[in-house]
Amino acid sequence: MSELYQHIVEWTLWALIAFSIITWTLIVIKAVQHILLSRQNRSFIKTFWSAPDLHAAASLEKYVGATARVAAIGFQTLRNADASPANDLEHSWDRQDLLERHLRQQIQKERRSLENGLAILASIGNTAPFVGLFGTVFGIIQALTAITASKSASIEVVAGPIGEALIATGIGIAVAVPSVLAYNFFLRRLKLIAADLDDFATDFVSLVQKAGFRIKATAPVIKAGQVQPPRGDAGKTENGKEVFA
């Protein structure tokens, strides 16, 4: 029975080590994600507001990041509203309502992307101390079992089990502290980014409102070797035959 308790304490320690590895892996991944996202947003916002007009800003397709994706979905929504017939539920909205709806949906997508991993950090932060305490309990039981078996309470009998029990408690706390701190930090960062996206979406709606919620359609790109269709009446067909003006 004493060996079983020993194995339970060891499994608890290994579980806490696994929690620690997961925690620090998520911390590194989320830190890199937020650093890149901050740089991308700053670069796009600076270029966006430096554009000479709204149509020039609509051509900023090389930029990436949360703000760039929100702007892109806004411009694409207005283009689709011009190209699609308003005879279905999707396009039966008012242009402003349609734009605000798609911007809100994109912001929610960005929030969900930033929320990935936070639930794991919160779960580890909440459960790691109890996992350590679980190992501590079985370490103490092992010490009591050893005392009963040897009929002696000397330091040599109880030092090992009690020491492992205290180590399990310490590791549990050591795993929980960075998890909780990281969760609170990244949750705060998520709220700030979401607030910035909401502010940008509000400014975006106000900006395109001045243009009547209409964006010039992007001219089709003619690839090398592709013949450009003739202008005027050329290229039209009459009874299956081409007619040239």
Protein backbone atom coordinates (compact mmCIF):
# COMPACT_ATOMS: atom_id res chain seq x y z
CA MET A 1 0.00 0.00 0.00
CA SER A 2 2.88 2.33 0.79
CA GLU A 3 4.24 1.82 -2.73
CA LEU A 4 0.86 2.76 -4.18
CA TYR A 5 0.88 6.03 -2.23
CA GLN A 6 4.42 6.65 -3.44
CA HIS A 7 3.32 6.18 -7.06
CA ILE A 8 0.36 8.52 -6.60
CA VAL A 9 2.68 11.25 -5.31
CA GLU A 10 5.04 10.70 -8.25
CA TRP A 11 2.16 10.84 -10.76
CA THR A 12 0.98 14.06 -9.15
CA LEU A 13 4.44 15.61 -9.55
CA TRP A 14 4.60 14.55 -13.21
CA ALA A 15 1.14 16.00 -13.82
CA LEU A 16 2.26 19.31 -12.33
CA ILE A 17 5.37 19.30 -14.51
CA ALA A 18 3.16 18.74 -17.57
CA PHE A 19 0.93 21.64 -16.47
CA SER A 20 4.01 23.84 -16.13
CA ILE A 21 5.22 22.96 -19.64
CA ILE A 22 1.79 23.69 -21.11
CA THR A 23 1.59 26.98 -19.21
CA TRP A 24 4.94 28.32 -20.39
CA THR A 25 4.33 27.12 -23.94
CA LEU A 26 1.04 29.04 -24.05
CA ILE A 27 2.68 32.09 -22.47
CA VAL A 28 5.34 32.17 -25.20
CA ILE A 29 2.80 31.59 -27.99
CA LYS A 30 0.40 34.26 -26.72
CA ALA A 31 3.23 36.74 -26.14
CA VAL A 32 4.47 36.32 -29.73
CA GLN A 33 0.89 36.59 -31.00
CA HIS A 34 0.25 39.86 -29.17
CA ILE A 35 3.61 41.39 -30.12
CA LEU A 36 3.07 40.65 -33.82
CA LEU A 37 -0.54 41.82 -33.68
CA SER A 38 0.42 45.12 -32.04
CA ARG A 39 3.03 45.81 -34.72
CA GLN A 40 0.63 44.89 -37.53
CA ASN A 41 -2.15 47.08 -36.15
CA ARG A 42 0.14 50.08 -35.66
CA SER A 43 1.53 49.75 -39.18
CA PHE A 44 -1.89 49.44 -40.81
CA ILE A 45 -3.54 52.25 -38.84
CA LYS A 46 -0.68 54.63 -39.65
CA THR A 47 -0.91 53.81 -43.38
CA PHE A 48 -4.72 53.82 -43.39
CA TRP A 49 -5.08 57.32 -41.97
CA SER A 50 -2.25 58.56 -44.20
CA ALA A 51 -4.13 57.53 -47.36
CA PRO A 52 -5.20 60.48 -49.56
CA ASP A 53 -8.80 59.28 -49.84
CA LEU A 54 -11.12 56.43 -48.99
CA HIS A 55 -10.61 54.61 -52.27
CA ALA A 56 -6.85 54.62 -51.79
CA ALA A 57 -7.34 53.20 -48.30
CA ALA A 58 -9.52 50.44 -49.78
CA SER A 59 -6.56 49.21 -51.87
CA LEU A 60 -4.35 48.44 -48.85
CA GLU A 61 -4.56 44.69 -49.32
CA LYS A 62 -0.96 43.78 -48.48
CA TYR A 63 -1.40 44.54 -44.77
CA VAL A 64 -2.28 41.88 -42.22
CA GLY A 65 -3.53 42.04 -38.67
CA ALA A 66 -6.81 42.37 -36.83
CA THR A 67 -7.45 46.00 -37.82
CA ALA A 68 -6.57 45.30 -41.45
CA ARG A 69 -9.01 42.39 -41.55
CA VAL A 70 -11.78 44.53 -40.03
CA ALA A 71 -11.20 47.22 -42.66
CA ALA A 72 -11.03 44.63 -45.44
CA ILE A 73 -14.34 43.06 -44.46
CA GLY A 74 -15.89 46.54 -44.36
CA PHE A 75 -14.75 47.43 -47.87
CA GLN A 76 -15.72 43.99 -49.18
CA THR A 77 -19.18 44.32 -47.67
CA LEU A 78 -19.78 47.60 -49.49
CA ARG A 79 -18.50 46.15 -52.78
CA ASN A 80 -20.75 43.11 -52.42
CA ALA A 81 -23.72 45.35 -51.68
CA ASP A 82 -23.19 47.04 -55.04
CA ALA A 83 -22.67 43.81 -56.95
CA SER A 84 -25.43 41.68 -55.39
CA PRO A 85 -29.17 42.08 -55.92
CA ALA A 86 -31.15 43.04 -52.84
CA ASN A 87 -33.68 40.26 -53.27
CA ASP A 88 -32.55 38.00 -50.43
CA LEU A 89 -32.32 38.30 -46.66
CA GLU A 90 -28.55 38.71 -46.72
CA HIS A 91 -28.74 41.93 -48.71
CA SER A 92 -32.11 43.22 -47.51
CA TRP A 93 -30.43 45.29 -44.80
CA ASP A 94 -29.80 48.99 -45.00
CA ARG A 95 -26.22 49.65 -46.15
CA GLN A 96 -25.15 51.06 -42.80
CA ASP A 97 -26.79 48.23 -40.87
CA LEU A 98 -25.22 45.67 -43.21
CA LEU A 99 -21.78 47.23 -42.76
CA GLU A 100 -22.06 47.44 -38.98
CA ARG A 101 -23.25 43.83 -38.84
CA HIS A 102 -20.25 42.50 -40.78
CA LEU A 103 -17.80 44.66 -38.83
CA ARG A 104 -19.24 43.39 -35.56
CA GLN A 105 -18.97 39.78 -36.75
CA GLN A 106 -15.33 40.27 -37.76
CA ILE A 107 -14.47 41.83 -34.41
CA GLN A 108 -16.01 38.82 -32.68
CA LYS A 109 -13.85 36.52 -34.81
CA GLU A 110 -10.76 38.45 -33.76
CA ARG A 111 -11.80 38.18 -30.11
CA ARG A 112 -12.27 34.43 -30.39
CA SER A 113 -8.83 34.11 -31.98
CA LEU A 114 -7.23 36.01 -29.11
CA GLU A 115 -9.19 34.02 -26.53
CA ASN A 116 -7.64 30.73 -27.68
CA GLY A 117 -5.58 29.24 -24.86
CA LEU A 118 -6.89 31.54 -22.13
CA ALA A 119 -9.32 28.91 -20.84
CA ILE A 120 -6.42 26.47 -20.44
CA LEU A 121 -4.38 29.02 -18.49
CA ALA A 122 -7.35 29.75 -16.25
CA SER A 123 -8.02 26.04 -15.67
CA ILE A 124 -4.39 25.31 -14.78
CA GLY A 125 -4.24 28.31 -12.48
CA ASN A 126 -7.36 27.18 -10.63
CA THR A 127 -6.59 23.46 -10.38
CA ALA A 128 -2.78 23.28 -9.95
CA PRO A 129 -2.82 24.11 -6.19
CA PHE A 130 -5.45 21.42 -5.59
CA VAL A 131 -3.46 18.89 -7.62
CA GLY A 132 -0.45 19.70 -5.46
CA LEU A 133 -2.59 19.37 -2.35
CA PHE A 134 -3.78 15.98 -3.63
CA GLY A 135 -0.17 14.80 -3.72
CA THR A 136 0.43 16.29 -0.29
CA VAL A 137 -2.44 14.30 1.22
CA PHE A 138 -1.10 11.00 -0.10
CA GLY A 139 2.41 11.95 1.00
CA ILE A 140 1.15 12.40 4.54
CA ILE A 141 -0.78 9.12 4.34
CA GLN A 142 2.42 7.43 3.21
CA ALA A 143 4.27 8.91 6.20
CA LEU A 144 1.59 7.68 8.60
CA THR A 145 1.70 4.24 7.00
CA ALA A 146 5.48 4.15 7.42
CA ILE A 147 5.13 5.11 11.09
CA THR A 148 2.61 2.33 11.62
CA ALA A 149 4.76 -0.26 9.86
CA SER A 150 7.97 0.64 11.71
CA LYS A 151 6.24 1.49 15.00
CA SER A 152 8.51 4.50 15.21
CA ALA A 153 8.01 8.21 14.56
CA SER A 154 11.69 9.01 14.08
CA ILE A 155 12.80 11.64 11.58
CA GLU A 156 14.29 8.96 9.33
CA VAL A 157 10.86 7.38 8.85
CA VAL A 158 8.78 10.46 8.12
CA ALA A 159 11.31 12.80 6.49
CA GLY A 160 11.05 11.31 2.98
CA PRO A 161 7.24 11.15 2.61
CA ILE A 162 6.68 14.51 4.30
CA GLY A 163 9.34 16.11 2.11
CA GLU A 164 7.71 14.83 -1.07
CA ALA A 165 4.33 16.02 0.20
CA LEU A 166 5.64 19.54 0.74
CA ILE A 167 7.33 19.51 -2.66
CA ALA A 168 4.01 18.65 -4.32
CA THR A 169 2.36 21.61 -2.60
CA GLY A 170 5.16 23.96 -3.58
CA ILE A 171 5.16 22.86 -7.22
CA GLY A 172 1.38 23.22 -7.37
CA ILE A 173 1.64 26.83 -6.23
CA ALA A 174 4.60 27.50 -8.53
CA VAL A 175 2.58 26.28 -11.50
CA ALA A 176 -0.57 28.20 -10.55
CA VAL A 177 1.03 31.63 -10.03
CA PRO A 178 2.36 32.18 -13.60
CA SER A 179 -0.83 30.71 -15.06
CA VAL A 180 -3.04 33.18 -13.19
CA LEU A 181 -0.76 36.13 -13.91
CA ALA A 182 -0.56 35.26 -17.61
CA TYR A 183 -4.32 34.80 -17.84
CA ASN A 184 -5.01 38.20 -16.28
CA PHE A 185 -2.39 39.91 -18.45
CA PHE A 186 -3.58 38.46 -21.76
CA LEU A 187 -7.23 38.99 -20.82
CA ARG A 188 -6.44 42.66 -20.22
CA ARG A 189 -4.63 42.84 -23.57
CA LEU A 190 -7.62 41.22 -25.30
CA LYS A 191 -9.99 43.83 -23.87
CA LEU A 192 -7.72 46.68 -25.00
CA ILE A 193 -7.43 45.28 -28.53
CA ALA A 194 -11.19 44.70 -28.73
CA ALA A 195 -11.79 48.30 -27.58
CA ASP A 196 -9.37 49.57 -30.25
CA LEU A 197 -11.18 47.52 -32.90
CA ASP A 198 -14.53 48.90 -31.77
CA ASP A 199 -13.17 52.44 -32.00
CA PHE A 200 -11.76 51.79 -35.46
CA ALA A 201 -15.06 50.28 -36.64
CA THR A 202 -16.93 53.35 -35.40
CA ASP A 203 -14.52 55.67 -37.22
CA PHE A 204 -14.74 53.48 -40.32
CA VAL A 205 -18.53 53.72 -40.44
CA SER A 206 -18.38 57.49 -40.01
CA LEU A 207 -15.79 57.74 -42.77
CA VAL A 208 -17.67 55.70 -45.37
CA GLN A 209 -20.89 57.48 -44.45
CA LYS A 210 -19.45 60.61 -46.04
CA ALA A 211 -19.03 58.60 -49.27
CA GLY A 212 -22.62 57.42 -49.17
CA PHE A 213 -21.59 53.90 -48.13
CA ARG A 214 -20.26 53.24 -51.63
CA ILE A 215 -16.81 52.16 -52.71
CA LYS A 216 -15.49 52.12 -56.24
CA ALA A 217 -15.20 48.60 -57.58
CA THR A 218 -11.63 47.47 -58.07
CA ALA A 219 -10.72 47.30 -61.75
CA PRO A 220 -9.98 43.76 -62.96
CA VAL A 221 -6.30 42.96 -63.35
CA ILE A 222 -5.32 41.91 -66.89
CA LYS A 223 -2.69 39.22 -66.81
CA ALA A 224 0.18 38.99 -69.25
CA GLY A 225 -0.93 37.42 -72.53
CA GLN A 226 -4.61 38.00 -71.80
CA VAL A 227 -6.51 39.86 -74.53
CA GLN A 228 -8.41 42.88 -73.26
CA PRO A 229 -12.04 42.89 -74.47
CA PRO A 230 -12.77 45.61 -77.02
CA ARG A 231 -14.68 48.69 -75.97
CA GLY A 232 -17.99 50.01 -77.21
CA ASP A 233 -20.23 47.56 -78.97
CA ALA A 234 -17.39 45.26 -79.96
CA GLY A 235 -17.67 41.80 -78.56
CA LYS A 236 -21.45 41.80 -78.38
CA THR A 237 -23.20 38.92 -80.03
CA GLU A 238 -26.27 38.87 -82.17
CA ASN A 239 -27.86 35.50 -82.91
CA GLY A 240 -24.70 33.77 -81.79
CA LYS A 241 -22.38 35.89 -84.06
CA GLU A 242 -19.95 38.56 -83.03
CA VAL A 243 -20.76 42.10 -84.08
CA PHE A 244 -18.09 44.82 -84.24
CA ALA A 245 -18.93 48.49 -84.27
